Amino acid sequence: MGFIERRNGKYRARYRDPLGNQRCRTFTRKADAERFVREMEVDVERFEVSEEVTRVGLAISSPSPLV
């Protein structure tokens, strides 16, 4: 689950990536920060890797289908 905090007049969106590491990004509008956190939470639930995680060189694969 992510959360929003206000720092120095900007909004910091914090969330956990699929590997459990805490990530953050700052926005000038609270609505943008909230939307970002919602999108990241959906990506984690779907096992999708965000652009930021990929840039660091980390990747996970989605579970294989049951046979």
Protein backbone atom coordinates (compact mmCIF):
# COMPACT_ATOMS: atom_id res chain seq x y z
CA MET A 1 0.00 0.00 0.00
CA GLY A 2 1.30 3.44 -0.86
CA PHE A 3 0.83 6.76 0.84
CA ILE A 4 1.18 10.48 0.15
CA GLU A 5 3.01 13.01 2.30
CA ARG A 6 3.42 16.74 1.84
CA ARG A 7 7.01 17.98 1.92
CA ASN A 8 8.21 21.49 1.10
CA GLY A 9 5.03 22.36 -0.79
CA LYS A 10 5.16 19.22 -2.94
CA TYR A 11 3.60 15.79 -2.57
CA ARG A 12 5.73 12.70 -2.20
CA ALA A 13 4.16 9.43 -3.30
CA ARG A 14 5.68 6.39 -1.59
CA TYR A 15 5.04 2.76 -2.48
CA ARG A 16 6.70 -0.65 -2.40
CA ASP A 17 7.89 -2.21 -5.65
CA PRO A 18 7.30 -5.91 -6.46
CA LEU A 19 10.52 -6.85 -4.66
CA GLY A 20 9.48 -5.04 -1.47
CA ASN A 21 11.81 -2.04 -1.81
CA GLN A 22 10.39 1.36 -0.92
CA ARG A 23 10.24 3.83 -3.82
CA CYS A 24 9.08 7.43 -4.00
CA ARG A 25 8.35 10.14 -6.52
CA THR A 26 7.39 13.79 -6.01
CA PHE A 27 4.55 15.73 -7.62
CA THR A 28 3.30 19.30 -7.48
CA ARG A 29 -0.36 18.22 -7.38
CA LYS A 30 -1.85 15.87 -4.83
CA ALA A 31 -4.18 14.33 -7.43
CA ASP A 32 -1.18 13.32 -9.57
CA ALA A 33 0.52 11.71 -6.58
CA GLU A 34 -2.64 9.79 -5.66
CA ARG A 35 -3.09 8.55 -9.22
CA PHE A 36 0.55 7.43 -9.37
CA VAL A 37 0.25 5.44 -6.12
CA ARG A 38 -2.93 3.74 -7.36
CA GLU A 39 -1.24 2.79 -10.64
CA MET A 40 1.82 1.39 -8.84
CA GLU A 41 -0.37 -0.66 -6.50
CA VAL A 42 -2.19 -2.18 -9.48
CA ASP A 43 1.12 -2.95 -11.19
CA VAL A 44 2.40 -4.74 -8.08
CA GLU A 45 -0.82 -6.78 -7.82
CA ARG A 46 -0.50 -7.75 -11.48
CA PHE A 47 3.21 -8.57 -11.08
CA GLU A 48 4.17 -5.88 -13.59
CA VAL A 49 7.47 -4.11 -13.13
CA SER A 50 7.43 -0.33 -13.14
CA GLU A 51 9.74 1.73 -15.33
CA GLU A 52 11.73 2.80 -12.27
CA VAL A 53 12.38 -0.78 -11.16
CA THR A 54 13.39 -1.79 -14.69
CA ARG A 55 15.81 1.14 -14.88
CA VAL A 56 17.59 -0.15 -11.78
CA GLY A 57 17.99 -3.48 -13.50
CA LEU A 58 15.56 -5.53 -11.44
CA ALA A 59 12.93 -7.73 -12.98
CA ILE A 60 10.42 -10.32 -11.92
CA SER A 61 8.37 -12.63 -14.03
CA SER A 62 4.71 -13.35 -13.67
CA PRO A 63 3.83 -16.76 -12.33
CA SER A 64 3.60 -19.54 -14.88
CA PRO A 65 0.13 -20.89 -15.61
CA LEU A 66 -0.88 -24.06 -13.84
CA VAL A 67 -0.98 -27.11 -16.07
